[in-house]
């Protein structure tokens, strides 16, 4: 099992959340809400208004998201869904736990709020230069007041 940190359309209440719990994609378990230890630019970009976390540590904000534990099948699905390695790259980062849902299988102790843990995170080094001037967000919400409607994958040209 692998821990991944999601901050965009795969979070609870967001357009692609259902994909996290489609058994055909693999197994997933929600572990915690968290935020990145480092600051990163989280922007909404492209014609489909996709959230991109730019792999530029030290810029932007600490980004809020969720930690999931996924099996190898789900990890392969997520890598494919996130177009690794061309659109996104999965890298190991430290995140700070805000609230732990439950202890992960095989763990002896719950991770306390405020504790740091290592997770895989999908970020990109493949971005257009003008994305650096876009507004940065601490937390992504497809239905937020930014007015940038997310275009579902099935609805793209």
Protein backbone atom coordinates (compact mmCIF):
# COMPACT_ATOMS: atom_id res chain seq x y z
CA UNK A 1 0.00 0.00 0.00
CA UNK A 2 1.17 3.51 -0.88
CA UNK A 3 0.14 6.84 0.56
CA UNK A 4 -0.82 9.59 -1.86
CA UNK A 5 -1.77 13.21 -1.25
CA UNK A 6 -4.55 14.62 -3.45
CA UNK A 7 -5.36 18.32 -3.60
CA UNK A 8 -7.55 18.77 -6.68
CA UNK A 9 -10.39 17.05 -8.48
CA UNK A 10 -9.81 13.74 -6.64
CA UNK A 11 -10.65 15.18 -3.18
CA UNK A 12 -13.97 14.58 -1.44
CA UNK A 13 -16.76 16.59 -3.03
CA UNK A 14 -14.81 17.22 -6.23
CA UNK A 15 -15.56 16.07 -9.81
CA UNK A 16 -13.25 13.03 -9.92
CA UNK A 17 -13.62 11.82 -6.32
CA UNK A 18 -15.73 8.85 -7.50
CA UNK A 19 -12.70 7.49 -9.35
CA UNK A 20 -10.91 6.99 -6.02
CA UNK A 21 -13.54 4.47 -4.91
CA UNK A 22 -14.30 2.68 -8.17
CA UNK A 23 -13.34 -0.93 -7.34
CA UNK A 24 -12.35 -1.48 -10.98
CA UNK A 25 -9.49 1.01 -10.39
CA UNK A 26 -8.22 -0.65 -7.20
CA UNK A 27 -8.51 -0.15 -3.46
CA UNK A 28 -8.43 3.18 -1.65
CA UNK A 29 -8.78 4.24 1.95
CA UNK A 30 -9.05 7.80 3.25
CA UNK A 31 -6.53 8.39 6.05
CA UNK A 32 -6.30 12.09 6.85
CA UNK A 33 -6.65 15.71 5.89
CA UNK A 34 -3.28 17.40 5.55
CA UNK A 35 -1.32 20.27 4.06
CA UNK A 36 2.03 20.40 2.35
CA UNK A 37 5.05 21.13 4.54
CA UNK A 38 6.47 23.31 1.76
CA UNK A 39 4.70 26.10 -0.09
CA UNK A 40 3.79 25.40 -3.73
CA UNK A 41 1.94 27.35 -6.43
CA UNK A 42 -1.47 25.71 -6.98
CA UNK A 43 -3.00 27.20 -10.12
CA UNK A 44 -6.02 26.55 -12.31
CA UNK A 45 -4.85 26.49 -15.93
CA UNK A 46 -5.47 25.39 -19.48
CA UNK A 47 -8.66 25.35 -21.50
CA UNK A 48 -10.15 22.71 -19.19
CA UNK A 49 -9.43 24.67 -15.98
CA UNK A 50 -7.37 21.88 -14.42
CA UNK A 51 -5.73 22.36 -11.02
CA UNK A 52 -1.96 22.11 -11.33
CA UNK A 53 0.46 22.09 -8.42
CA UNK A 54 3.69 23.46 -9.86
CA UNK A 55 6.78 21.71 -8.55
CA UNK A 56 8.34 24.93 -7.29
CA UNK A 57 8.82 24.43 -3.55
CA UNK A 58 9.03 27.63 -1.55
CA UNK A 59 6.61 29.59 -3.76
CA UNK A 60 2.85 29.93 -3.41
CA UNK A 61 1.02 28.53 -0.37
CA UNK A 62 0.99 25.45 1.80
CA UNK A 63 -1.62 23.41 -0.06
CA UNK A 64 -4.54 21.66 1.66
CA UNK A 65 -5.50 18.16 0.59
CA UNK A 66 -6.19 14.59 1.67
CA UNK A 67 -4.05 11.52 2.30
CA UNK A 68 -5.22 8.19 0.91
CA UNK A 69 -3.70 4.75 1.12
CA UNK A 70 -3.96 2.96 -2.23
CA UNK A 71 -3.05 -0.49 -3.50
CA UNK A 72 -0.75 -1.05 -6.49
CA UNK A 73 -3.68 -1.30 -8.92
CA UNK A 74 -5.08 2.08 -7.81
CA UNK A 75 -1.61 3.61 -7.92
CA UNK A 76 -1.23 2.48 -11.54
CA UNK A 77 -4.68 3.91 -12.30
CA UNK A 78 -3.80 7.25 -10.67
CA UNK A 79 -0.47 7.44 -12.51
CA UNK A 80 -2.34 6.87 -15.78
CA UNK A 81 -5.15 9.28 -14.86
CA UNK A 82 -2.60 11.98 -14.01
CA UNK A 83 -0.64 11.27 -17.23
CA UNK A 84 2.60 10.45 -15.42
CA UNK A 85 5.30 11.34 -16.40
CA UNK A 86 4.29 13.78 -19.17
CA UNK A 87 1.67 16.01 -17.48
CA UNK A 88 2.37 15.27 -13.81
CA UNK A 89 5.17 13.59 -11.92
CA UNK A 90 4.64 11.67 -8.68
CA UNK A 91 7.25 12.70 -6.12
CA UNK A 92 7.68 12.04 -2.41
CA UNK A 93 6.98 15.03 -0.18
CA UNK A 94 6.33 15.76 3.47
CA UNK A 95 2.84 16.80 4.55
CA UNK A 96 1.51 17.91 7.92
CA UNK A 97 -1.45 15.92 9.23
CA UNK A 98 -4.41 18.14 10.19
CA UNK A 99 -6.89 15.45 11.24
CA UNK A 100 -6.40 11.70 11.14
CA UNK A 101 -9.44 9.60 10.20
CA UNK A 102 -8.04 6.34 11.49
CA UNK A 103 -4.84 4.39 11.92
CA UNK A 104 -3.57 2.76 8.73
CA UNK A 105 -3.55 -1.03 8.63
CA UNK A 106 -0.42 -2.39 10.30
CA UNK A 107 0.41 0.87 12.09
CA UNK A 108 0.75 0.66 15.83
CA UNK A 109 0.01 4.31 16.56
CA UNK A 110 -2.17 6.97 15.01
CA UNK A 111 -0.26 9.89 13.54
CA UNK A 112 -0.97 12.90 15.75
CA UNK A 113 -2.26 16.17 14.26
CA UNK A 114 0.71 18.38 13.47
CA UNK A 115 2.91 15.36 12.71
CA UNK A 116 4.73 15.09 9.41
CA UNK A 117 4.44 12.08 7.10
CA UNK A 118 5.81 11.23 3.67
CA UNK A 119 3.40 10.76 0.76
CA UNK A 120 3.42 10.64 -3.02
CA UNK A 121 2.13 13.85 -4.60
CA UNK A 122 1.29 14.64 -8.21
CA UNK A 123 2.91 17.91 -9.26
CA UNK A 124 4.22 19.20 -12.54
CA UNK A 125 7.41 20.60 -13.99
CA UNK A 126 5.68 20.71 -17.40
CA UNK A 127 3.91 24.06 -17.31
CA UNK A 128 3.67 27.14 -19.48
CA UNK A 129 5.72 30.14 -18.29
CA UNK A 130 2.60 32.34 -17.95
CA UNK A 131 1.17 29.93 -15.35
CA UNK A 132 3.56 31.51 -12.85
CA UNK A 133 1.52 34.73 -13.04
CA UNK A 134 -1.83 32.98 -12.40
CA UNK A 135 -3.55 33.27 -9.01
CA UNK A 136 -2.31 30.75 -6.43
CA UNK A 137 -4.71 28.84 -4.19
CA UNK A 138 -4.30 27.20 -0.80
CA UNK A 139 -7.14 24.80 -1.49
CA UNK A 140 -8.80 23.77 -4.75
CA UNK A 141 -12.56 23.68 -5.14
CA UNK A 142 -13.97 23.07 -8.62
CA UNK A 143 -17.11 24.90 -7.52
CA UNK A 144 -15.29 27.82 -5.86
CA UNK A 145 -15.78 31.52 -6.45
CA UNK A 146 -12.86 31.67 -8.91
CA UNK A 147 -15.41 31.23 -11.75
CA UNK A 148 -13.24 28.72 -13.64
CA UNK A 149 -15.49 25.79 -14.46
CA UNK A 150 -13.65 22.47 -14.55
CA UNK A 151 -14.17 20.59 -17.83
CA UNK A 152 -14.57 16.85 -17.24
CA UNK A 153 -12.24 14.61 -19.19
CA UNK A 154 -15.19 13.06 -21.07
CA UNK A 155 -16.29 16.53 -22.24
CA UNK A 156 -12.93 17.66 -23.65
CA UNK A 157 -12.19 17.79 -27.37
